[in-house]
Amino acid sequence: MAFVYILQGENEKYYIGSTTDKKRRLLQHQTGHTWTTQRLKNFKMVFSQEYPTLQEARKIEMKLKRLKRKDYIDKIVRDGHIRMTID
């Protein structure tokens, strides 16, 4: 079991990631282990979606990161679902 997750900071910026252990990964973000989330101030996990394998979750994560569209990420968070498939 794996997850794609989205963190959002108070500056409205997003971070997209994938993991097999959400609790451990969130702790890593909170303790500064991940330098890319250090720019997010007072962030929280606003979304997560489960996938059968980490490989599938990472494919979706990379597709989302390539989009670079805040409006699409806003819609995912609002709707509570990623409607993207793996090619």
PDB file of N, CA and C in Angstrom:
ATOM      1  N   MET A   1       0.847  -1.170   0.000  1.00  0.00           N
ATOM      2  CA  MET A   1       0.000   0.000   0.000  1.00  0.00           C
ATOM      3  C   MET A   1       0.895   1.237   0.000  1.00  0.00           C
ATOM      4  N   ALA A   2       0.552   2.221  -0.829  1.00  0.00           N
ATOM      5  CA  ALA A   2       1.317   3.455  -0.946  1.00  0.00           C
ATOM      6  C   ALA A   2       0.360   4.623  -1.105  1.00  0.00           C
ATOM      7  N   PHE A   3       0.881   5.820  -0.950  1.00  0.00           N
ATOM      8  CA  PHE A   3       0.049   7.018  -0.979  1.00  0.00           C
ATOM      9  C   PHE A   3       0.719   8.130  -1.773  1.00  0.00           C
ATOM     10  N   VAL A   4      -0.100   8.912  -2.464  1.00  0.00           N
ATOM     11  CA  VAL A   4       0.299  10.216  -2.966  1.00  0.00           C
ATOM     12  C   VAL A   4      -0.312  11.188  -1.982  1.00  0.00           C
ATOM     13  N   TYR A   5       0.476  12.166  -1.549  1.00  0.00           N
ATOM     14  CA  TYR A   5      -0.035  13.125  -0.573  1.00  0.00           C
ATOM     15  C   TYR A   5       0.328  14.541  -0.996  1.00  0.00           C
ATOM     16  N   ILE A   6      -0.437  15.490  -0.467  1.00  0.00           N
ATOM     17  CA  ILE A   6      -0.196  16.900  -0.755  1.00  0.00           C
ATOM     18  C   ILE A   6      -0.138  17.643   0.566  1.00  0.00           C
ATOM     19  N   LEU A   7       0.942  18.406   0.733  1.00  0.00           N
ATOM     20  CA  LEU A   7       1.076  19.303   1.886  1.00  0.00           C
ATOM     21  C   LEU A   7       0.806  20.719   1.399  1.00  0.00           C
ATOM     22  N   GLN A   8       0.239  21.549   2.276  1.00  0.00           N
ATOM     23  CA  GLN A   8       0.015  22.945   1.927  1.00  0.00           C
ATOM     24  C   GLN A   8       0.488  23.807   3.078  1.00  0.00           C
ATOM     25  N   GLY A   9       1.264  24.844   2.729  1.00  0.00           N
ATOM     26  CA  GLY A   9       1.756  25.774   3.726  1.00  0.00           C
ATOM     27  C   GLY A   9       0.839  26.973   3.866  1.00  0.00           C
ATOM     28  N   GLU A  10       1.093  27.777   4.889  1.00  0.00           N
ATOM     29  CA  GLU A  10       0.260  28.968   5.110  1.00  0.00           C
ATOM     30  C   GLU A  10       0.408  29.964   3.963  1.00  0.00           C
ATOM     31  N   ASN A  11       1.467  29.843   3.169  1.00  0.00           N
ATOM     32  CA  ASN A  11       1.667  30.710   2.006  1.00  0.00           C
ATOM     33  C   ASN A  11       0.930  30.181   0.764  1.00  0.00           C
ATOM     34  N   GLU A  12       0.066  29.172   0.962  1.00  0.00           N
ATOM     35  CA  GLU A  12      -0.759  28.574  -0.100  1.00  0.00           C
ATOM     36  C   GLU A  12       0.052  27.762  -1.106  1.00  0.00           C
ATOM     37  N   LYS A  13       1.328  27.529  -0.864  1.00  0.00           N
ATOM     38  CA  LYS A  13       2.159  26.693  -1.738  1.00  0.00           C
ATOM     39  C   LYS A  13       1.928  25.227  -1.397  1.00  0.00           C
ATOM     40  N   TYR A  14       2.103  24.380  -2.404  1.00  0.00           N
ATOM     41  CA  TYR A  14       1.901  22.950  -2.240  1.00  0.00           C
ATOM     42  C   TYR A  14       3.209  22.187  -2.366  1.00  0.00           C
ATOM     43  N   TYR A  15       3.233  21.025  -1.734  1.00  0.00           N
ATOM     44  CA  TYR A  15       4.295  20.039  -1.932  1.00  0.00           C
ATOM     45  C   TYR A  15       3.586  18.725  -2.195  1.00  0.00           C
ATOM     46  N   ILE A  16       4.010  18.014  -3.237  1.00  0.00           N
ATOM     47  CA  ILE A  16       3.420  16.733  -3.607  1.00  0.00           C
ATOM     48  C   ILE A  16       4.467  15.651  -3.383  1.00  0.00           C
ATOM     49  N   GLY A  17       4.061  14.564  -2.744  1.00  0.00           N
ATOM     50  CA  GLY A  17       4.988  13.475  -2.482  1.00  0.00           C
ATOM     51  C   GLY A  17       4.289  12.131  -2.502  1.00  0.00           C
ATOM     52  N   SER A  18       5.091  11.072  -2.349  1.00  0.00           N
ATOM     53  CA  SER A  18       4.546   9.722  -2.263  1.00  0.00           C
ATOM     54  C   SER A  18       5.329   8.955  -1.215  1.00  0.00           C
ATOM     55  N   THR A  19       4.678   7.981  -0.600  1.00  0.00           N
ATOM     56  CA  THR A  19       5.296   7.219   0.475  1.00  0.00           C
ATOM     57  C   THR A  19       4.501   5.953   0.752  1.00  0.00           C
ATOM     58  N   THR A  20       5.111   5.055   1.494  1.00  0.00           N
ATOM     59  CA  THR A  20       4.393   3.889   1.988  1.00  0.00           C
ATOM     60  C   THR A  20       4.022   4.068   3.461  1.00  0.00           C
ATOM     61  N   ASP A  21       4.527   5.144   4.082  1.00  0.00           N
ATOM     62  CA  ASP A  21       4.283   5.388   5.512  1.00  0.00           C
ATOM     63  C   ASP A  21       4.060   6.885   5.736  1.00  0.00           C
ATOM     64  N   LYS A  22       2.792   7.293   5.709  1.00  0.00           N
ATOM     65  CA  LYS A  22       2.467   8.719   5.820  1.00  0.00           C
ATOM     66  C   LYS A  22       2.947   9.334   7.132  1.00  0.00           C
ATOM     67  N   LYS A  23       2.799   8.615   8.221  1.00  0.00           N
ATOM     68  CA  LYS A  23       3.184   9.156   9.528  1.00  0.00           C
ATOM     69  C   LYS A  23       4.691   9.433   9.584  1.00  0.00           C
ATOM     70  N   ARG A  24       5.489   8.462   9.141  1.00  0.00           N
ATOM     71  CA  ARG A  24       6.940   8.628   9.123  1.00  0.00           C
ATOM     72  C   ARG A  24       7.352   9.768   8.205  1.00  0.00           C
ATOM     73  N   ARG A  25       6.738   9.833   7.028  1.00  0.00           N
ATOM     74  CA  ARG A  25       7.102  10.864   6.041  1.00  0.00           C
ATOM     75  C   ARG A  25       6.744  12.252   6.541  1.00  0.00           C
ATOM     76  N   LEU A  26       5.584  12.403   7.174  1.00  0.00           N
ATOM     77  CA  LEU A  26       5.184  13.697   7.713  1.00  0.00           C
ATOM     78  C   LEU A  26       6.163  14.138   8.792  1.00  0.00           C
ATOM     79  N   LEU A  27       6.586  13.216   9.633  1.00  0.00           N
ATOM     80  CA  LEU A  27       7.576  13.528  10.666  1.00  0.00           C
ATOM     81  C   LEU A  27       8.891  13.990  10.031  1.00  0.00           C
ATOM     82  N   GLN A  28       9.292  13.356   8.943  1.00  0.00           N
ATOM     83  CA  GLN A  28      10.502  13.786   8.249  1.00  0.00           C
ATOM     84  C   GLN A  28      10.371  15.211   7.734  1.00  0.00           C
ATOM     85  N   HIS A  29       9.208  15.547   7.206  1.00  0.00           N
ATOM     86  CA  HIS A  29       8.980  16.916   6.738  1.00  0.00           C
ATOM     87  C   HIS A  29       9.025  17.892   7.909  1.00  0.00           C
ATOM     88  N   GLN A  30       8.394  17.543   8.998  1.00  0.00           N
ATOM     89  CA  GLN A  30       8.320  18.431  10.157  1.00  0.00           C
ATOM     90  C   GLN A  30       9.676  18.664  10.818  1.00  0.00           C
ATOM     91  N   THR A  31      10.576  17.711  10.726  1.00  0.00           N
ATOM     92  CA  THR A  31      11.880  17.832  11.376  1.00  0.00           C
ATOM     93  C   THR A  31      12.960  18.356  10.437  1.00  0.00           C
ATOM     94  N   GLY A  32      12.586  18.806   9.244  1.00  0.00           N
ATOM     95  CA  GLY A  32      13.541  19.408   8.326  1.00  0.00           C
ATOM     96  C   GLY A  32      14.358  18.418   7.518  1.00  0.00           C
ATOM     97  N   HIS A  33      14.008  17.151   7.561  1.00  0.00           N
ATOM     98  CA  HIS A  33      14.723  16.121   6.808  1.00  0.00           C
ATOM     99  C   HIS A  33      14.619  16.361   5.299  1.00  0.00           C
ATOM    100  N   THR A  34      13.520  16.946   4.872  1.00  0.00           N
ATOM    101  CA  THR A  34      13.271  17.194   3.454  1.00  0.00           C
ATOM    102  C   THR A  34      13.427  18.687   3.175  1.00  0.00           C
ATOM    103  N   TRP A  35      14.491  19.054   2.486  1.00  0.00           N
ATOM    104  CA  TRP A  35      14.784  20.479   2.284  1.00  0.00           C
ATOM    105  C   TRP A  35      13.735  21.191   1.440  1.00  0.00           C
ATOM    106  N   THR A  36      13.039  20.464   0.555  1.00  0.00           N
ATOM    107  CA  THR A  36      12.051  21.115  -0.311  1.00  0.00           C
ATOM    108  C   THR A  36      10.824  21.596   0.446  1.00  0.00           C
ATOM    109  N   THR A  37      10.557  21.053   1.627  1.00  0.00           N
ATOM    110  CA  THR A  37       9.400  21.530   2.402  1.00  0.00           C
ATOM    111  C   THR A  37       9.795  22.570   3.440  1.00  0.00           C
ATOM    112  N   GLN A  38      11.060  22.908   3.525  1.00  0.00           N
ATOM    113  CA  GLN A  38      11.477  23.943   4.474  1.00  0.00           C
ATOM    114  C   GLN A  38      10.922  25.315   4.085  1.00  0.00           C
ATOM    115  N   ARG A  39      10.577  25.506   2.807  1.00  0.00           N
ATOM    116  CA  ARG A  39       9.992  26.784   2.357  1.00  0.00           C
ATOM    117  C   ARG A  39       8.534  26.919   2.765  1.00  0.00           C
ATOM    118  N   LEU A  40       7.893  25.801   3.088  1.00  0.00           N
ATOM    119  CA  LEU A  40       6.501  25.842   3.519  1.00  0.00           C
ATOM    120  C   LEU A  40       6.456  26.173   5.011  1.00  0.00           C
ATOM    121  N   LYS A  41       5.732  27.174   5.361  1.00  0.00           N
ATOM    122  CA  LYS A  41       5.597  27.553   6.764  1.00  0.00           C
ATOM    123  C   LYS A  41       4.283  27.008   7.308  1.00  0.00           C
ATOM    124  N   ASN A  42       4.359  26.360   8.474  1.00  0.00           N
ATOM    125  CA  ASN A  42       3.164  25.821   9.134  1.00  0.00           C
ATOM    126  C   ASN A  42       2.308  24.998   8.178  1.00  0.00           C
ATOM    127  N   PHE A  43       2.915  24.025   7.544  1.00  0.00           N
ATOM    128  CA  PHE A  43       2.196  23.216   6.566  1.00  0.00           C
ATOM    129  C   PHE A  43       1.377  22.121   7.251  1.00  0.00           C
ATOM    130  N   LYS A  44       0.412  21.626   6.483  1.00  0.00           N
ATOM    131  CA  LYS A  44      -0.405  20.498   6.942  1.00  0.00           C
ATOM    132  C   LYS A  44      -0.694  19.611   5.739  1.00  0.00           C
ATOM    133  N   MET A  45      -0.982  18.343   6.018  1.00  0.00           N
ATOM    134  CA  MET A  45      -1.355  17.427   4.951  1.00  0.00           C
ATOM    135  C   MET A  45      -2.820  17.686   4.618  1.00  0.00           C
ATOM    136  N   VAL A  46      -3.073  18.087   3.387  1.00  0.00           N
ATOM    137  CA  VAL A  46      -4.433  18.434   2.984  1.00  0.00           C
ATOM    138  C   VAL A  46      -5.066  17.377   2.090  1.00  0.00           C
ATOM    139  N   PHE A  47      -4.265  16.371   1.682  1.00  0.00           N
ATOM    140  CA  PHE A  47      -4.801  15.362   0.783  1.00  0.00           C
ATOM    141  C   PHE A  47      -3.907  14.133   0.797  1.00  0.00           C
ATOM    142  N   SER A  48      -4.519  12.969   0.685  1.00  0.00           N
ATOM    143  CA  SER A  48      -3.771  11.738   0.398  1.00  0.00           C
ATOM    144  C   SER A  48      -4.703  10.767  -0.317  1.00  0.00           C
ATOM    145  N   GLN A  49      -4.114   9.991  -1.213  1.00  0.00           N
ATOM    146  CA  GLN A  49      -4.872   8.976  -1.944  1.00  0.00           C
ATOM    147  C   GLN A  49      -4.037   7.709  -1.997  1.00  0.00           C
ATOM    148  N   GLU A  50      -4.683   6.583  -1.773  1.00  0.00           N
ATOM    149  CA  GLU A  50      -4.002   5.293  -1.697  1.00  0.00           C
ATOM    150  C   GLU A  50      -3.850   4.656  -3.071  1.00  0.00           C
ATOM    151  N   TYR A  51      -2.706   3.971  -3.260  1.00  0.00           N
ATOM    152  CA  TYR A  51      -2.422   3.213  -4.473  1.00  0.00           C
ATOM    153  C   TYR A  51      -1.900   1.839  -4.080  1.00  0.00           C
ATOM    154  N   PRO A  52      -2.059   0.842  -4.944  1.00  0.00           N
ATOM    155  CA  PRO A  52      -1.629  -0.520  -4.603  1.00  0.00           C
ATOM    156  C   PRO A  52      -0.118  -0.655  -4.388  1.00  0.00           C
ATOM    157  N   THR A  53       0.680   0.109  -5.165  1.00  0.00           N
ATOM    158  CA  THR A  53       2.130  -0.008  -5.048  1.00  0.00           C
ATOM    159  C   THR A  53       2.775   1.370  -5.011  1.00  0.00           C
ATOM    160  N   LEU A  54       3.994   1.416  -4.473  1.00  0.00           N
ATOM    161  CA  LEU A  54       4.745   2.669  -4.444  1.00  0.00           C
ATOM    162  C   LEU A  54       5.094   3.109  -5.864  1.00  0.00           C
ATOM    163  N   GLN A  55       5.346   2.170  -6.730  1.00  0.00           N
ATOM    164  CA  GLN A  55       5.659   2.496  -8.126  1.00  0.00           C
ATOM    165  C   GLN A  55       4.500   3.267  -8.778  1.00  0.00           C
ATOM    166  N   GLU A  56       3.276   2.816  -8.554  1.00  0.00           N
ATOM    167  CA  GLU A  56       2.107   3.520  -9.115  1.00  0.00           C
ATOM    168  C   GLU A  56       1.966   4.903  -8.498  1.00  0.00           C
ATOM    169  N   ALA A  57       2.128   4.992  -7.194  1.00  0.00           N
ATOM    170  CA  ALA A  57       2.016   6.284  -6.507  1.00  0.00           C
ATOM    171  C   ALA A  57       3.069   7.261  -7.033  1.00  0.00           C
ATOM    172  N   ARG A  58       4.276   6.789  -7.243  1.00  0.00           N
ATOM    173  CA  ARG A  58       5.348   7.672  -7.735  1.00  0.00           C
ATOM    174  C   ARG A  58       5.079   8.144  -9.161  1.00  0.00           C
ATOM    175  N   LYS A  59       4.478   7.298  -9.981  1.00  0.00           N
ATOM    176  CA  LYS A  59       4.128   7.713 -11.344  1.00  0.00           C
ATOM    177  C   LYS A  59       3.112   8.848 -11.316  1.00  0.00           C
ATOM    178  N   ILE A  60       2.101   8.725 -10.466  1.00  0.00           N
ATOM    179  CA  ILE A  60       1.097   9.779 -10.326  1.00  0.00           C
ATOM    180  C   ILE A  60       1.740  11.045  -9.763  1.00  0.00           C
ATOM    181  N   GLU A  61       2.588  10.889  -8.750  1.00  0.00           N
ATOM    182  CA  GLU A  61       3.292  12.040  -8.166  1.00  0.00           C
ATOM    183  C   GLU A  61       4.056  12.803  -9.250  1.00  0.00           C
ATOM    184  N   MET A  62       4.800  12.095 -10.070  1.00  0.00           N
ATOM    185  CA  MET A  62       5.596  12.753 -11.111  1.00  0.00           C
ATOM    186  C   MET A  62       4.714  13.437 -12.151  1.00  0.00           C
ATOM    187  N   LYS A  63       3.600  12.837 -12.507  1.00  0.00           N
ATOM    188  CA  LYS A  63       2.672  13.475 -13.445  1.00  0.00           C
ATOM    189  C   LYS A  63       2.142  14.795 -12.868  1.00  0.00           C
ATOM    190  N   LEU A  64       1.768  14.760 -11.591  1.00  0.00           N
ATOM    191  CA  LEU A  64       1.261  15.975 -10.949  1.00  0.00           C
ATOM    192  C   LEU A  64       2.335  17.055 -10.893  1.00  0.00           C
ATOM    193  N   LYS A  65       3.543  16.678 -10.563  1.00  0.00           N
ATOM    194  CA  LYS A  65       4.633  17.650 -10.477  1.00  0.00           C
ATOM    195  C   LYS A  65       4.942  18.259 -11.842  1.00  0.00           C
ATOM    196  N   ARG A  66       4.829  17.477 -12.910  1.00  0.00           N
ATOM    197  CA  ARG A  66       5.083  18.002 -14.252  1.00  0.00           C
ATOM    198  C   ARG A  66       4.015  18.991 -14.705  1.00  0.00           C
ATOM    199  N   LEU A  67       2.810  18.863 -14.180  1.00  0.00           N
ATOM    200  CA  LEU A  67       1.729  19.780 -14.573  1.00  0.00           C
ATOM    201  C   LEU A  67       2.022  21.211 -14.154  1.00  0.00           C
ATOM    202  N   LYS A  68       2.556  21.387 -12.943  1.00  0.00           N
ATOM    203  CA  LYS A  68       2.863  22.717 -12.396  1.00  0.00           C
ATOM    204  C   LYS A  68       1.666  23.660 -12.497  1.00  0.00           C
ATOM    205  N   ARG A  69       0.476  23.152 -12.170  1.00  0.00           N
ATOM    206  CA  ARG A  69      -0.737  23.972 -12.247  1.00  0.00           C
ATOM    207  C   ARG A  69      -1.417  23.986 -10.898  1.00  0.00           C
ATOM    208  N   LYS A  70      -1.365  25.137 -10.244  1.00  0.00           N
ATOM    209  CA  LYS A  70      -1.957  25.280  -8.926  1.00  0.00           C
ATOM    210  C   LYS A  70      -3.469  25.062  -8.979  1.00  0.00           C
ATOM    211  N   ASP A  71      -4.122  25.493 -10.044  1.00  0.00           N
ATOM    212  CA  ASP A  71      -5.567  25.331 -10.132  1.00  0.00           C
ATOM    213  C   ASP A  71      -5.965  23.851 -10.159  1.00  0.00           C
ATOM    214  N   TYR A  72      -5.165  23.013 -10.798  1.00  0.00           N
ATOM    215  CA  TYR A  72      -5.463  21.581 -10.842  1.00  0.00           C
ATOM    216  C   TYR A  72      -5.262  20.953  -9.465  1.00  0.00           C
ATOM    217  N   ILE A  73      -4.203  21.345  -8.778  1.00  0.00           N
ATOM    218  CA  ILE A  73      -3.942  20.831  -7.432  1.00  0.00           C
ATOM    219  C   ILE A  73      -5.033  21.318  -6.476  1.00  0.00           C
ATOM    220  N   ASP A  74      -5.451  22.574  -6.607  1.00  0.00           N
ATOM    221  CA  ASP A  74      -6.573  23.091  -5.802  1.00  0.00           C
ATOM    222  C   ASP A  74      -7.813  22.220  -5.988  1.00  0.00           C
ATOM    223  N   LYS A  75      -8.085  21.842  -7.230  1.00  0.00           N
ATOM    224  CA  LYS A  75      -9.271  21.013  -7.526  1.00  0.00           C
ATOM    225  C   LYS A  75      -9.142  19.629  -6.897  1.00  0.00           C
ATOM    226  N   ILE A  76      -7.969  19.031  -6.945  1.00  0.00           N
ATOM    227  CA  ILE A  76      -7.752  17.721  -6.327  1.00  0.00           C
ATOM    228  C   ILE A  76      -8.030  17.798  -4.830  1.00  0.00           C
ATOM    229  N   VAL A  77      -7.481  18.816  -4.178  1.00  0.00           N
ATOM    230  CA  VAL A  77      -7.678  18.986  -2.735  1.00  0.00           C
ATOM    231  C   VAL A  77      -9.161  19.208  -2.441  1.00  0.00           C
ATOM    232  N   ARG A  78      -9.798  20.040  -3.215  1.00  0.00           N
ATOM    233  CA  ARG A  78     -11.218  20.355  -3.005  1.00  0.00           C
ATOM    234  C   ARG A  78     -12.120  19.138  -3.241  1.00  0.00           C
ATOM    235  N   ASP A  79     -11.847  18.385  -4.325  1.00  0.00           N
ATOM    236  CA  ASP A  79     -12.677  17.236  -4.685  1.00  0.00           C
ATOM    237  C   ASP A  79     -12.324  15.986  -3.879  1.00  0.00           C
ATOM    238  N   GLY A  80     -11.099  15.936  -3.346  1.00  0.00           N
ATOM    239  CA  GLY A  80     -10.676  14.783  -2.553  1.00  0.00           C
ATOM    240  C   GLY A  80     -10.339  13.557  -3.378  1.00  0.00           C
ATOM    241  N   HIS A  81      -9.963  13.762  -4.662  1.00  0.00           N
ATOM    242  CA  HIS A  81      -9.672  12.612  -5.513  1.00  0.00           C
ATOM    243  C   HIS A  81      -8.791  13.021  -6.683  1.00  0.00           C
ATOM    244  N   ILE A  82      -7.807  12.194  -7.006  1.00  0.00           N
ATOM    245  CA  ILE A  82      -7.000  12.395  -8.211  1.00  0.00           C
ATOM    246  C   ILE A  82      -7.655  11.583  -9.314  1.00  0.00           C
ATOM    247  N   ARG A  83      -7.987  12.231 -10.401  1.00  0.00           N
ATOM    248  CA  ARG A  83      -8.634  11.552 -11.538  1.00  0.00           C
ATOM    249  C   ARG A  83      -7.629  11.343 -12.673  1.00  0.00           C
ATOM    250  N   MET A  84      -6.469  10.865 -12.315  1.00  0.00           N
ATOM    251  CA  MET A  84      -5.394  10.686 -13.286  1.00  0.00           C
ATOM    252  C   MET A  84      -5.077   9.205 -13.378  1.00  0.00           C
ATOM    253  N   THR A  85      -4.754   8.741 -14.581  1.00  0.00           N
ATOM    254  CA  THR A  85      -4.420   7.335 -14.754  1.00  0.00           C
ATOM    255  C   THR A  85      -2.940   7.179 -15.069  1.00  0.00           C
ATOM    256  N   ILE A  86      -2.457   5.975 -14.891  1.00  0.00           N
ATOM    257  CA  ILE A  86      -1.072   5.654 -15.203  1.00  0.00           C
ATOM    258  C   ILE A  86      -1.031   5.120 -16.622  1.00  0.00           C
ATOM    259  N   ASP A  87      -0.164   5.681 -17.444  1.00  0.00           N
ATOM    260  CA  ASP A  87      -0.031   5.224 -18.843  1.00  0.00           C
ATOM    261  C   ASP A  87       0.933   4.086 -18.936  1.00  0.00           C
TER     262      ASP A  87
END
